[in-house]
C-alpha atoms as a PDB file:
ATOM      1  CA  MET A   1      14.601  -7.645  15.648  1.00  0.00           C
ATOM      2  CA  ASN A   2      15.759  -4.160  14.737  1.00  0.00           C
ATOM      3  CA  ALA A   3      13.566  -1.167  13.948  1.00  0.00           C
ATOM      4  CA  ALA A   4      13.930  -1.523  10.159  1.00  0.00           C
ATOM      5  CA  GLU A   5      12.746  -5.139  10.300  1.00  0.00           C
ATOM      6  CA  LEU A   6       9.770  -4.198  12.466  1.00  0.00           C
ATOM      7  CA  SER A   7       8.843  -1.435  10.013  1.00  0.00           C
ATOM      8  CA  ARG A   8       9.146  -3.852   7.081  1.00  0.00           C
ATOM      9  CA  ARG A   9       6.898  -6.416   8.734  1.00  0.00           C
ATOM     10  CA  THR A  10       4.365  -3.732   9.624  1.00  0.00           C
ATOM     11  CA  ALA A  11       4.417  -2.514   6.027  1.00  0.00           C
ATOM     12  CA  ALA A  12       3.810  -6.038   4.736  1.00  0.00           C
ATOM     13  CA  LEU A  13       0.912  -6.589   7.116  1.00  0.00           C
ATOM     14  CA  ALA A  14      -0.617  -3.203   6.299  1.00  0.00           C
ATOM     15  CA  LEU A  15      -0.270  -3.791   2.544  1.00  0.00           C
ATOM     16  CA  ALA A  16      -1.979  -7.179   2.858  1.00  0.00           C
ATOM     17  CA  ALA A  17      -4.779  -5.588   4.884  1.00  0.00           C
ATOM     18  CA  THR A  18      -5.102  -2.828   2.269  1.00  0.00           C
ATOM     19  CA  VAL A  19      -5.509  -5.406  -0.489  1.00  0.00           C
ATOM     20  CA  LEU A  20      -8.157  -7.251   1.542  1.00  0.00           C
ATOM     21  CA  ALA A  21     -10.065  -4.072   2.403  1.00  0.00           C
ATOM     22  CA  ALA A  22      -9.950  -2.842  -1.200  1.00  0.00           C
ATOM     23  CA  SER A  23     -11.194  -6.255  -2.300  1.00  0.00           C
ATOM     24  CA  GLY A  24     -14.082  -5.999   0.138  1.00  0.00           C
ATOM     25  CA  TRP A  25     -14.931  -2.597  -1.271  1.00  0.00           C
ATOM     26  CA  LEU A  26     -14.568  -3.272  -5.017  1.00  0.00           C
ATOM     27  CA  GLY A  27     -14.767  -7.063  -5.147  1.00  0.00           C
ATOM     28  CA  PRO A  28     -18.566  -7.464  -5.118  1.00  0.00           C
ATOM     29  CA  TRP A  29     -18.960  -4.893  -7.890  1.00  0.00           C
ATOM     30  CA  ALA A  30     -16.218  -6.523  -9.979  1.00  0.00           C
ATOM     31  CA  VAL A  31     -17.625 -10.028  -9.605  1.00  0.00           C
ATOM     32  CA  ALA A  32     -21.148  -8.832 -10.406  1.00  0.00           C
ATOM     33  CA  ALA A  33     -19.872  -7.140 -13.581  1.00  0.00           C
ATOM     34  CA  GLY A  34     -18.190 -10.318 -14.796  1.00  0.00           C
ATOM     35  CA  LEU A  35     -14.980 -10.349 -16.789  1.00  0.00           C
ATOM     36  CA  PRO A  36     -15.182  -6.651 -17.769  1.00  0.00           C
ATOM     37  CA  GLY A  37     -15.200  -5.809 -14.049  1.00  0.00           C
ATOM     38  CA  ILE A  38     -12.670  -8.360 -12.857  1.00  0.00           C
ATOM     39  CA  VAL A  39      -9.883  -7.310 -15.224  1.00  0.00           C
ATOM     40  CA  PRO A  40      -9.708  -3.652 -14.041  1.00  0.00           C
ATOM     41  CA  TRP A  41     -10.070  -4.798 -10.440  1.00  0.00           C
ATOM     42  CA  LEU A  42      -7.061  -7.093 -10.781  1.00  0.00           C
ATOM     43  CA  ALA A  43      -5.148  -4.370 -12.623  1.00  0.00           C
ATOM     44  CA  LEU A  44      -5.835  -2.036  -9.710  1.00  0.00           C
ATOM     45  CA  LEU A  45      -4.632  -4.540  -7.118  1.00  0.00           C
ATOM     46  CA  ALA A  46      -1.630  -5.876  -9.084  1.00  0.00           C
ATOM     47  CA  PRO A  47       0.828  -3.094  -8.060  1.00  0.00           C
ATOM     48  CA  LEU A  48      -0.111  -3.561  -4.411  1.00  0.00           C
ATOM     49  CA  LEU A  49       0.382  -7.318  -4.654  1.00  0.00           C
ATOM     50  CA  LEU A  50       3.724  -6.897  -6.412  1.00  0.00           C
ATOM     51  CA  GLY A  51       4.713  -4.388  -3.761  1.00  0.00           C
ATOM     52  CA  LEU A  52       3.712  -6.827  -1.045  1.00  0.00           C
ATOM     53  CA  ARG A  53       5.906  -9.472  -2.644  1.00  0.00           C
ATOM     54  CA  GLY A  54       8.861  -7.088  -2.714  1.00  0.00           C
ATOM     55  CA  VAL A  55       8.353  -5.989   0.876  1.00  0.00           C
ATOM     56  CA  LEU A  56       8.179  -9.596   2.037  1.00  0.00           C
ATOM     57  CA  ARG A  57      11.466 -10.250   0.240  1.00  0.00           C
ATOM     58  CA  GLY A  58      13.000  -7.146   1.787  1.00  0.00           C
ATOM     59  CA  THR A  59      13.776  -5.374  -1.485  1.00  0.00           C
ATOM     60  CA  LEU A  60      14.472  -1.765  -0.607  1.00  0.00           C
ATOM     61  CA  HIS A  61      13.876  -0.639  -4.195  1.00  0.00           C
ATOM     62  CA  THR A  62      10.290  -1.848  -3.870  1.00  0.00           C
ATOM     63  CA  GLY A  63       9.842   0.235  -0.745  1.00  0.00           C
ATOM     64  CA  ARG A  64      11.043   3.302  -2.584  1.00  0.00           C
ATOM     65  CA  TRP A  65       8.563   2.979  -5.428  1.00  0.00           C
ATOM     66  CA  LEU A  66       5.776   2.078  -3.025  1.00  0.00           C
ATOM     67  CA  SER A  67       6.399   5.341  -1.198  1.00  0.00           C
ATOM     68  CA  LEU A  68       5.683   7.118  -4.489  1.00  0.00           C
ATOM     69  CA  LEU A  69       2.692   4.950  -5.444  1.00  0.00           C
ATOM     70  CA  LEU A  70       0.679   4.755  -2.222  1.00  0.00           C
ATOM     71  CA  PRO A  71      -0.404   8.437  -2.147  1.00  0.00           C
ATOM     72  CA  PHE A  72      -2.174   7.899  -5.482  1.00  0.00           C
ATOM     73  CA  TYR A  73      -4.103   4.997  -3.977  1.00  0.00           C
ATOM     74  CA  GLY A  74      -4.971   7.286  -1.066  1.00  0.00           C
ATOM     75  CA  ALA A  75      -6.387   9.837  -3.498  1.00  0.00           C
ATOM     76  CA  GLY A  76      -8.464   7.087  -5.102  1.00  0.00           C
ATOM     77  CA  VAL A  77      -9.861   6.083  -1.730  1.00  0.00           C
ATOM     78  CA  LEU A  78     -10.823   9.688  -1.006  1.00  0.00           C
ATOM     79  CA  VAL A  79     -12.610   9.959  -4.338  1.00  0.00           C
ATOM     80  CA  GLY A  80     -14.376   6.674  -3.606  1.00  0.00           C
ATOM     81  CA  ALA A  81     -15.498   7.976  -0.222  1.00  0.00           C
ATOM     82  CA  VAL A  82     -17.155  10.960  -1.859  1.00  0.00           C
ATOM     83  CA  GLY A  83     -18.819   8.927  -4.591  1.00  0.00           C
ATOM     84  CA  ASN A  84     -19.946   5.832  -2.699  1.00  0.00           C
ATOM     85  CA  ALA A  85     -21.685   6.534   0.579  1.00  0.00           C
ATOM     86  CA  GLY A  86     -22.771   2.904   0.982  1.00  0.00           C
ATOM     87  CA  ALA A  87     -19.214   1.610   1.267  1.00  0.00           C
ATOM     88  CA  ARG A  88     -17.927   3.958   3.951  1.00  0.00           C
ATOM     89  CA  GLY A  89     -16.939   1.097   6.252  1.00  0.00           C
ATOM     90  CA  TRP A  90     -14.750  -0.572   3.632  1.00  0.00           C
ATOM     91  CA  LEU A  91     -13.351   2.778   2.574  1.00  0.00           C
ATOM     92  CA  THR A  92     -12.466   3.722   6.132  1.00  0.00           C
ATOM     93  CA  ALA A  93     -10.683   0.403   6.638  1.00  0.00           C
ATOM     94  CA  THR A  94      -8.871   0.800   3.322  1.00  0.00           C
ATOM     95  CA  ALA A  95      -7.804   4.362   4.149  1.00  0.00           C
ATOM     96  CA  PHE A  96      -6.517   3.352   7.586  1.00  0.00           C
ATOM     97  CA  CYS A  97      -4.544   0.384   6.263  1.00  0.00           C
ATOM     98  CA  LEU A  98      -3.191   2.481   3.408  1.00  0.00           C
ATOM     99  CA  ALA A  99      -2.017   5.238   5.748  1.00  0.00           C
ATOM    100  CA  LEU A 100      -0.372   2.663   8.013  1.00  0.00           C
ATOM    101  CA  ALA A 101       1.313   1.019   5.020  1.00  0.00           C
ATOM    102  CA  PHE A 102       2.597   4.366   3.769  1.00  0.00           C
ATOM    103  CA  ALA A 103       4.035   5.325   7.158  1.00  0.00           C
ATOM    104  CA  ALA A 104       5.602   1.888   7.652  1.00  0.00           C
ATOM    105  CA  VAL A 105       7.138   1.878   4.173  1.00  0.00           C
ATOM    106  CA  LEU A 106       8.634   5.327   4.745  1.00  0.00           C
ATOM    107  CA  SER A 107      10.008   4.214   8.098  1.00  0.00           C
ATOM    108  CA  TRP A 108      11.466   1.037   6.623  1.00  0.00           C
ATOM    109  CA  VAL A 109      13.121   2.818   3.705  1.00  0.00           C
ATOM    110  CA  ARG A 110      14.527   5.506   5.967  1.00  0.00           C
ATOM    111  CA  ARG A 111      15.896   3.077   8.559  1.00  0.00           C
ATOM    112  CA  ALA A 112      17.223   0.460   6.131  1.00  0.00           C
ATOM    113  CA  ALA A 113      18.968   2.858   3.745  1.00  0.00           C
ATOM    114  CA  ARG A 114      22.699   3.070   4.063  1.00  0.00           C
ATOM    115  CA  PRO A 115      23.786   6.120   6.022  1.00  0.00           C
ATOM    116  CA  MET A 116      25.249   8.880   3.935  1.00  0.00           C
ATOM    117  CA  PRO A 117      28.909   9.602   4.562  1.00  0.00           C
ATOM    118  CA  PRO A 118      29.618  12.844   6.388  1.00  0.00           C
ATOM    119  CA  PRO A 119      30.440  15.820   4.172  1.00  0.00           C
ATOM    120  CA  PRO A 120      34.106  16.626   3.781  1.00  0.00           C
ATOM    121  CA  PRO A 121      35.405  19.402   5.992  1.00  0.00           C
ATOM    122  CA  THR A 122      35.636  22.796   4.379  1.00  0.00           C
END
């Protein structure tokens, strides 16, 4: 197994853990709110689940857009940490998994991308 494959598998595992941790944080609130709470919860998790599918398939394009999307989820976790002191455990787990997923996605994209040809001599 090469380094790009290891990074891809780590990214997939970290994304799955992020989805589970975010579900532990927001899931009880969404279920208690009924359908008006479940729909936004699923809309929030849908890009992560689609990204997980793409990472599992090894689609490099998915890794590129995940590298742009994950910092926004990180900002949401930070806002949640300020506003919800009772869920600090879930938020800490979500933040850790999210940071690991971001680093692994960046590593995978960087290692799996085709090397650029050398510049022509001048």
